[in-house]
Amino acid sequence: MPIRIDPWGAAIPENYTRLMKEFGIEPFEKLLPRIPDPNHLMQRKIIFGHRDFKRVLNAIVRGEKFVVMTGLMPSGRMHVGHKLVIDQLIWYQGHGADIFLCVADLEAYSARGVSFEDSKKLAVEEYLANYQALGLDLERCHIYFQSRSDAVRHLAFVLSKRVNFSEMRAIYGFAGESNISHIFYPMIDVADILHPQLEEFGGPRPTVVPVGIDQDPHLRLARDIAARFQKEFNFLLPSSTYHRLLPGLMGEKMSSSKPETAVFLTDTDEEIRRKIKDAFTGGRPTAAEQRKYGGDPSKCRVYELYVYHLLPDDEKLLEVRELCKSGKMICGECKDRAISLMCGFLKEHRAKYKRAVQNAKRLAEKLS
């Protein structure tokens, strides 16, 4: 049976290899030798696939202009799973990217029922302030709210002329009970992706969208539509990279709507300690068995925190892996180490956040 990916669902794809084959996604690791100072997400194959990234890579190597397009849906608190994209944006910004950052308040309203007033508050206090605290230079980003962008809404309407409902249903699986805002929203997303290529925004230029595989339906649609409108707009087909989704502490995708699955950037030390202590691991039923037979880091959600965030040093990460597999470190000891690292990171982050929040509010007021 063909695979269907749901951009609004909560499941983690089990077979990334099959998804790559099904949807024509190329392995990212083949490009690594050409990438200047790749970050740990690239080196550890967390970024595992791409479409047409060579076009963007050529721009990076030659010092030419290119765009990174991304968005945030302000429907809940920001957790460490969201940090994956910010780490990538910081890397791209260091290589001269022109970053377009969309606050997807139309999507939050359509898919989650979040009011526009609440979206603005969440966008500023949970996302933009945290983005700056993590190291992204917001002053150098083009930030906008979907609901207030005439260019995006107008482009979405123009592009929708050459898209029919049968195509949308084939991609997204819309059923009869789907409301019209949900059906039309993908056109807004396509316009988000393509509008940086309009002449008024400095285009056309190579554009890359870093996403989890769950967002691929939007990218496939955007590429198809870009090809249909090349004569009118001279669009370059947008490129994309794909990163593995950070599993939640209980196994499923880390989600703002399920607090027990996520480590939030606003969690207290006590909340972090409780969540990591309760996290699913690859350990044995007893400490004695684990010391004898070792654990399985490939099944451990705490080890994933090390891989994605807590241990950027590869030698230290390998040490943790070998201690686990050999039984020299059991789950309780490993969790204590992760708790200490996470609490230390968030203590430093909270101080940066307090300094960043006023600047984020100021930037948001300029967009009002």
Protein backbone atom coordinates (compact mmCIF):
# COMPACT_ATOMS: atom_id res chain seq x y z
CA MET A 1 0.00 0.00 0.00
CA PRO A 2 1.23 3.56 -0.67
CA ILE A 3 2.38 5.53 2.36
CA ARG A 4 0.39 8.56 3.48
CA ILE A 5 2.04 11.17 5.68
CA ASP A 6 -0.07 13.36 7.93
CA PRO A 7 1.41 16.85 8.54
CA TRP A 8 -0.91 17.35 11.52
CA GLY A 9 -0.56 13.94 13.17
CA ALA A 10 1.52 12.80 16.12
CA ALA A 11 3.04 9.53 14.87
CA ILE A 12 6.76 8.96 14.25
CA PRO A 13 7.44 7.24 10.91
CA GLU A 14 8.93 3.82 11.60
CA ASN A 15 10.69 3.24 8.29
CA TYR A 16 12.50 6.31 7.02
CA THR A 17 14.23 4.28 4.29
CA ARG A 18 10.92 3.24 2.80
CA LEU A 19 9.66 6.82 2.95
CA MET A 20 12.75 8.04 1.12
CA LYS A 21 12.25 5.47 -1.64
CA GLU A 22 8.50 6.12 -1.88
CA PHE A 23 8.84 9.91 -2.20
CA GLY A 24 12.15 10.31 -4.01
CA ILE A 25 14.20 11.72 -1.12
CA GLU A 26 17.98 11.46 -1.53
CA PRO A 27 20.44 10.54 1.27
CA PHE A 28 21.95 13.63 2.84
CA GLU A 29 25.18 11.94 3.96
CA LYS A 30 26.46 11.78 0.37
CA LEU A 31 26.75 15.58 0.41
CA LEU A 32 28.67 15.80 3.69
CA PRO A 33 32.18 15.92 2.10
CA ARG A 34 31.19 19.15 0.30
CA ILE A 35 29.50 20.88 3.24
CA PRO A 36 31.64 23.44 5.08
CA ASP A 37 31.85 22.70 8.85
CA PRO A 38 28.69 20.53 9.02
CA ASN A 39 26.96 20.65 12.39
CA HIS A 40 26.31 17.63 14.62
CA LEU A 41 22.79 17.13 13.22
CA MET A 42 24.30 16.54 9.79
CA GLN A 43 27.21 14.42 10.99
CA ARG A 44 25.03 12.16 13.15
CA LYS A 45 22.54 11.58 10.31
CA ILE A 46 19.73 13.27 12.23
CA ILE A 47 19.39 15.22 8.99
CA PHE A 48 19.04 12.16 6.80
CA GLY A 49 17.59 13.24 3.46
CA HIS A 50 17.11 16.06 0.98
CA ARG A 51 15.57 17.19 -2.27
CA ASP A 52 17.71 19.37 -4.54
CA PHE A 53 19.94 20.55 -1.70
CA LYS A 54 22.86 20.68 -4.16
CA ARG A 55 21.47 23.95 -5.54
CA VAL A 56 21.58 25.53 -2.08
CA LEU A 57 24.95 23.96 -1.27
CA ASN A 58 26.42 25.46 -4.44
CA ALA A 59 25.18 28.90 -3.31
CA ILE A 60 26.76 28.39 0.13
CA VAL A 61 30.12 27.31 -1.32
CA ARG A 62 30.17 30.18 -3.85
CA GLY A 63 29.02 32.80 -1.36
CA GLU A 64 25.85 33.49 -3.35
CA LYS A 65 22.46 34.53 -1.98
CA PHE A 66 20.00 31.90 -0.86
CA VAL A 67 16.91 31.66 1.35
CA VAL A 68 15.93 29.43 4.25
CA MET A 69 12.18 29.31 4.73
CA THR A 70 10.70 27.96 7.94
CA GLY A 71 7.73 28.46 10.22
CA LEU A 72 6.43 27.95 13.71
CA MET A 73 2.91 26.99 14.70
CA PRO A 74 2.06 28.79 17.96
CA SER A 75 -0.24 26.19 19.44
CA GLY A 76 1.61 25.22 22.62
CA ARG A 77 4.80 25.46 24.64
CA MET A 78 8.21 25.14 22.99
CA HIS A 79 10.10 21.91 23.75
CA VAL A 80 13.57 20.59 22.93
CA GLY A 81 12.20 18.81 19.85
CA HIS A 82 11.55 22.23 18.30
CA LYS A 83 15.20 23.16 18.93
CA LEU A 84 16.25 20.93 16.01
CA VAL A 85 15.14 23.52 13.47
CA ILE A 86 16.68 26.42 15.40
CA ASP A 87 20.06 24.68 15.47
CA GLN A 88 19.81 24.43 11.68
CA LEU A 89 18.77 28.07 11.25
CA ILE A 90 21.73 29.22 13.33
CA TRP A 91 24.05 27.18 11.11
CA TYR A 92 22.49 28.60 7.94
CA GLN A 93 22.62 32.14 9.33
CA GLY A 94 26.33 31.65 9.89
CA HIS A 95 26.66 30.82 6.20
CA GLY A 96 24.88 33.93 4.92
CA ALA A 97 21.29 32.72 4.61
CA ASP A 98 18.39 35.12 4.23
CA ILE A 99 15.93 33.58 6.70
CA PHE A 100 12.16 33.93 6.32
CA LEU A 101 10.37 32.99 9.54
CA CYS A 102 6.61 32.55 9.36
CA VAL A 103 4.33 32.58 12.40
CA ALA A 104 1.70 30.10 11.25
CA ASP A 105 -1.24 31.58 13.12
CA LEU A 106 -3.67 30.60 10.34
CA GLU A 107 -2.59 26.98 10.73
CA ALA A 108 -2.89 27.20 14.53
CA TYR A 109 -6.45 28.49 14.11
CA SER A 110 -7.42 25.93 11.47
CA ALA A 111 -5.76 22.82 12.91
CA ARG A 112 -5.77 23.53 16.66
CA GLY A 113 -8.48 26.16 17.20
CA VAL A 114 -6.04 28.67 18.72
CA SER A 115 -7.27 32.26 18.62
CA PHE A 116 -5.16 34.88 16.85
CA GLU A 117 -4.65 36.76 20.11
CA ASP A 118 -3.36 33.62 21.84
CA SER A 119 -1.22 32.80 18.81
CA LYS A 120 0.55 36.14 19.06
CA LYS A 121 1.28 35.70 22.75
CA LEU A 122 2.57 32.14 22.25
CA ALA A 123 4.63 33.16 19.22
CA VAL A 124 6.39 35.91 21.15
CA GLU A 125 6.82 34.37 24.59
CA GLU A 126 7.24 30.68 23.75
CA TYR A 127 8.97 30.81 20.38
CA LEU A 128 10.61 34.05 19.25
CA ALA A 129 12.11 34.80 22.67
CA ASN A 130 13.41 31.24 22.95
CA TYR A 131 14.79 31.36 19.40
CA GLN A 132 16.85 34.41 20.29
CA ALA A 133 17.95 32.90 23.60
CA LEU A 134 19.16 29.82 21.70
CA GLY A 135 21.34 32.01 19.49
CA LEU A 136 19.29 32.97 16.42
CA ASP A 137 19.67 36.62 15.41
CA LEU A 138 16.04 37.69 14.98
CA GLU A 139 17.06 41.13 13.71
CA ARG A 140 18.43 39.45 10.58
CA CYS A 141 15.28 37.37 9.96
CA HIS A 142 12.19 38.28 7.93
CA ILE A 143 9.47 37.53 10.50
CA TYR A 144 5.79 37.72 9.62
CA PHE A 145 2.38 36.48 10.73
CA GLN A 146 0.43 34.53 8.09
CA SER A 147 -2.80 36.33 8.96
CA ARG A 148 -1.20 39.72 8.29
CA SER A 149 0.74 38.98 5.10
CA ASP A 150 -1.11 40.31 2.06
CA ALA A 151 1.61 38.90 -0.21
CA VAL A 152 1.18 35.35 1.09
CA ARG A 153 -2.61 35.38 1.00
CA HIS A 154 -2.68 36.88 -2.51
CA LEU A 155 -0.13 34.37 -3.82
CA ALA A 156 -2.05 31.48 -2.27
CA PHE A 157 -5.20 32.57 -4.10
CA VAL A 158 -3.38 32.95 -7.43
CA LEU A 159 -1.65 29.57 -7.14
CA SER A 160 -4.86 27.77 -6.13
CA LYS A 161 -6.18 28.38 -9.67
CA ARG A 162 -4.18 25.38 -10.90
CA VAL A 163 -4.86 22.95 -8.06
CA ASN A 164 -8.00 20.80 -7.84
CA PHE A 165 -9.62 19.01 -4.94
CA SER A 166 -8.77 15.53 -6.26
CA GLU A 167 -5.07 16.39 -6.06
CA MET A 168 -5.41 17.77 -2.53
CA ARG A 169 -7.31 14.69 -1.38
CA ALA A 170 -4.69 12.39 -2.91
CA ILE A 171 -1.93 14.16 -0.98
CA TYR A 172 -3.66 14.86 2.33
CA GLY A 173 -6.49 12.33 2.46
CA PHE A 174 -9.21 14.89 3.13
CA ALA A 175 -12.58 13.31 3.92
CA GLY A 176 -16.09 14.71 3.67
CA GLU A 177 -16.05 16.06 7.22
CA SER A 178 -12.93 18.20 6.61
CA ASN A 179 -13.68 21.89 7.07
CA ILE A 180 -12.82 24.28 4.24
CA SER A 181 -10.11 26.12 6.20
CA HIS A 182 -8.27 22.82 6.66
CA ILE A 183 -8.60 22.05 2.96
CA PHE A 184 -7.38 25.47 1.83
CA TYR A 185 -4.58 25.84 4.37
CA PRO A 186 -1.97 23.86 2.32
CA MET A 187 -2.18 26.61 -0.29
CA ILE A 188 -1.16 29.13 2.39
CA ASP A 189 1.76 26.87 3.26
CA VAL A 190 2.79 26.64 -0.40
CA ALA A 191 2.64 30.44 -0.67
CA ASP A 192 4.82 30.70 2.44
CA ILE A 193 7.43 28.49 0.77
CA LEU A 194 7.37 30.22 -2.61
CA HIS A 195 6.84 33.91 -1.82
CA PRO A 196 10.52 34.63 -0.96
CA GLN A 197 11.17 33.98 -4.66
CA LEU A 198 8.95 36.86 -5.76
CA GLU A 199 10.87 39.84 -7.14
CA GLU A 200 9.61 42.10 -4.35
CA PHE A 201 11.37 39.85 -1.82
CA GLY A 202 14.63 39.59 -3.77
CA GLY A 203 13.88 36.46 -5.77
CA PRO A 204 14.07 34.18 -7.47
CA ARG A 205 16.78 32.58 -5.33
CA PRO A 206 17.60 29.03 -4.21
CA THR A 207 15.37 28.24 -1.24
CA VAL A 208 15.62 25.43 1.29
CA VAL A 209 12.99 24.36 3.80
CA PRO A 210 14.30 22.23 6.73
CA VAL A 211 11.50 19.96 7.96
CA GLY A 212 10.60 16.68 9.57
CA ILE A 213 9.34 14.04 7.16
CA ASP A 214 5.79 14.66 8.40
CA GLN A 215 5.80 18.01 6.53
CA ASP A 216 6.79 16.51 3.18
CA PRO A 217 3.27 16.71 1.68
CA HIS A 218 3.55 20.51 1.74
CA LEU A 219 6.95 20.35 -0.01
CA ARG A 220 5.76 18.00 -2.72
CA LEU A 221 2.79 20.23 -3.44
CA ALA A 222 4.96 23.37 -3.44
CA ARG A 223 7.39 21.86 -5.95
CA ASP A 224 4.58 20.74 -8.25
CA ILE A 225 2.95 24.17 -8.16
CA ALA A 226 6.28 25.98 -8.63
CA ALA A 227 6.79 24.01 -11.83
CA ARG A 228 3.30 24.97 -13.09
CA PHE A 229 3.98 28.69 -12.52
CA GLN A 230 7.59 28.94 -13.71
CA LYS A 231 6.54 30.94 -16.78
CA GLU A 232 4.71 33.56 -14.69
CA PHE A 233 7.11 33.80 -11.71
CA ASN A 234 10.36 32.13 -12.82
CA PHE A 235 10.25 29.99 -9.66
CA LEU A 236 13.14 27.70 -8.76
CA LEU A 237 11.78 24.47 -7.34
CA PRO A 238 12.24 24.73 -3.55
CA SER A 239 14.79 22.43 -1.94
CA SER A 240 14.23 20.64 1.36
CA THR A 241 16.12 18.74 4.03
CA TYR A 242 14.60 16.14 6.34
CA HIS A 243 15.49 15.45 9.94
CA ARG A 244 14.48 12.57 12.16
CA LEU A 245 11.81 13.59 14.62
CA LEU A 246 12.88 13.56 18.26
CA PRO A 247 10.98 10.75 20.00
CA GLY A 248 9.01 11.67 23.09
CA LEU A 249 10.11 10.44 26.48
CA MET A 250 7.40 7.77 26.37
CA GLY A 251 8.13 6.67 22.79
CA GLU A 252 5.77 8.64 20.54
CA LYS A 253 6.59 12.03 18.96
CA MET A 254 7.46 14.75 21.45
CA SER A 255 4.33 16.90 21.64
CA SER A 256 3.31 20.13 23.33
CA SER A 257 -0.17 18.69 23.83
CA LYS A 258 1.24 15.75 25.84
CA PRO A 259 3.42 17.28 28.58
CA GLU A 260 4.68 13.91 29.83
CA THR A 261 6.36 13.26 26.44
CA ALA A 262 8.32 16.51 26.25
CA VAL A 263 11.04 18.52 27.94
CA PHE A 264 9.87 22.12 27.68
CA LEU A 265 12.29 25.04 27.70
CA THR A 266 10.29 26.48 30.61
CA ASP A 267 10.29 23.29 32.72
CA THR A 268 11.56 23.54 36.29
CA ASP A 269 14.42 21.36 37.50
CA GLU A 270 11.93 19.22 39.42
CA GLU A 271 9.79 18.69 36.30
CA ILE A 272 12.87 17.74 34.28
CA ARG A 273 13.98 15.29 36.99
CA ARG A 274 10.56 13.63 37.14
CA LYS A 275 10.13 13.36 33.36
CA ILE A 276 13.57 11.91 32.66
CA LYS A 277 13.29 9.51 35.61
CA ASP A 278 10.03 8.21 34.10
CA ALA A 279 11.38 8.03 30.52
CA PHE A 280 11.36 4.83 28.47
CA THR A 281 14.80 3.18 28.20
CA GLY A 282 16.49 0.20 26.60
CA GLY A 283 17.45 -1.27 29.96
CA ARG A 284 16.93 -4.71 31.50
CA PRO A 285 14.27 -5.63 34.08
CA THR A 286 16.79 -5.55 36.94
CA ALA A 287 20.05 -3.74 37.66
CA ALA A 288 21.84 -7.10 38.01
CA GLU A 289 20.73 -8.21 34.54
CA GLN A 290 21.74 -4.91 33.02
CA ARG A 291 25.21 -5.06 34.54
CA LYS A 292 25.57 -8.59 33.17
CA TYR A 293 24.04 -8.20 29.69
CA GLY A 294 24.14 -4.46 29.08
CA GLY A 295 21.43 -2.16 27.76
CA ASP A 296 20.23 -1.20 24.27
CA PRO A 297 20.76 2.54 23.56
CA SER A 298 18.91 2.25 20.23
CA LYS A 299 15.67 1.80 22.20
CA CYS A 300 16.41 4.42 24.84
CA ARG A 301 14.67 7.82 24.85
CA VAL A 302 17.24 9.22 27.28
CA TYR A 303 20.06 8.30 24.91
CA GLU A 304 18.19 10.17 22.15
CA LEU A 305 18.44 13.32 24.29
CA TYR A 306 22.20 12.84 24.36
CA VAL A 307 22.33 12.34 20.58
CA TYR A 308 20.16 15.31 19.65
CA HIS A 309 21.13 17.87 22.27
CA LEU A 310 23.04 17.01 25.41
CA LEU A 311 26.37 15.69 24.08
CA PRO A 312 27.60 17.49 20.94
CA ASP A 313 31.04 15.95 21.54
CA ASP A 314 31.16 12.66 19.59
CA GLU A 315 33.75 11.03 21.86
CA LYS A 316 31.62 11.65 24.95
CA LEU A 317 28.54 10.34 23.16
CA LEU A 318 30.36 7.16 22.14
CA GLU A 319 31.54 6.73 25.73
CA VAL A 320 27.94 6.83 27.02
CA ARG A 321 26.89 4.33 24.36
CA GLU A 322 29.64 1.87 25.24
CA LEU A 323 29.05 2.21 28.99
CA CYS A 324 25.40 1.36 28.41
CA LYS A 325 26.02 -1.59 26.08
CA SER A 326 28.68 -3.05 28.38
CA GLY A 327 26.55 -2.75 31.50
CA LYS A 328 29.08 -0.51 33.22
CA MET A 329 26.42 2.22 33.50
CA ILE A 330 22.82 1.31 34.32
CA CYS A 331 19.71 3.33 33.54
CA GLY A 332 19.47 5.16 36.85
CA GLU A 333 23.04 6.45 36.54
CA CYS A 334 22.49 7.42 32.90
CA LYS A 335 19.29 9.30 33.77
CA ASP A 336 21.02 11.17 36.58
CA ARG A 337 23.70 12.32 34.13
CA ALA A 338 21.08 13.43 31.60
CA ILE A 339 19.14 15.30 34.30
CA SER A 340 22.28 17.15 35.37
CA LEU A 341 23.13 18.14 31.78
CA MET A 342 19.58 19.20 30.93
CA CYS A 343 19.16 21.24 34.11
CA GLY A 344 22.51 22.93 33.49
CA PHE A 345 21.55 23.78 29.91
CA LEU A 346 18.14 25.16 30.89
CA LYS A 347 19.54 27.18 33.80
CA GLU A 348 21.77 29.06 31.37
CA HIS A 349 18.97 29.25 28.83
CA ARG A 350 16.49 30.81 31.29
CA ALA A 351 18.88 33.69 31.94
CA LYS A 352 19.19 34.33 28.19
CA TYR A 353 15.43 34.02 27.77
CA LYS A 354 14.74 36.78 30.31
CA ARG A 355 16.94 39.13 28.31
CA ALA A 356 15.39 38.06 24.98
CA VAL A 357 11.68 38.30 25.77
CA GLN A 358 11.47 42.10 25.70
CA ASN A 359 13.22 42.24 22.34
CA ALA A 360 10.84 39.62 20.95
CA LYS A 361 7.85 41.68 22.12
CA ARG A 362 9.33 44.78 20.49
CA LEU A 363 9.81 42.97 17.18
CA ALA A 364 6.25 41.61 17.30
CA GLU A 365 4.82 45.08 17.84
CA LYS A 366 6.58 46.27 14.71
CA LEU A 367 4.76 43.53 12.80
CA SER A 368 1.33 44.49 14.19
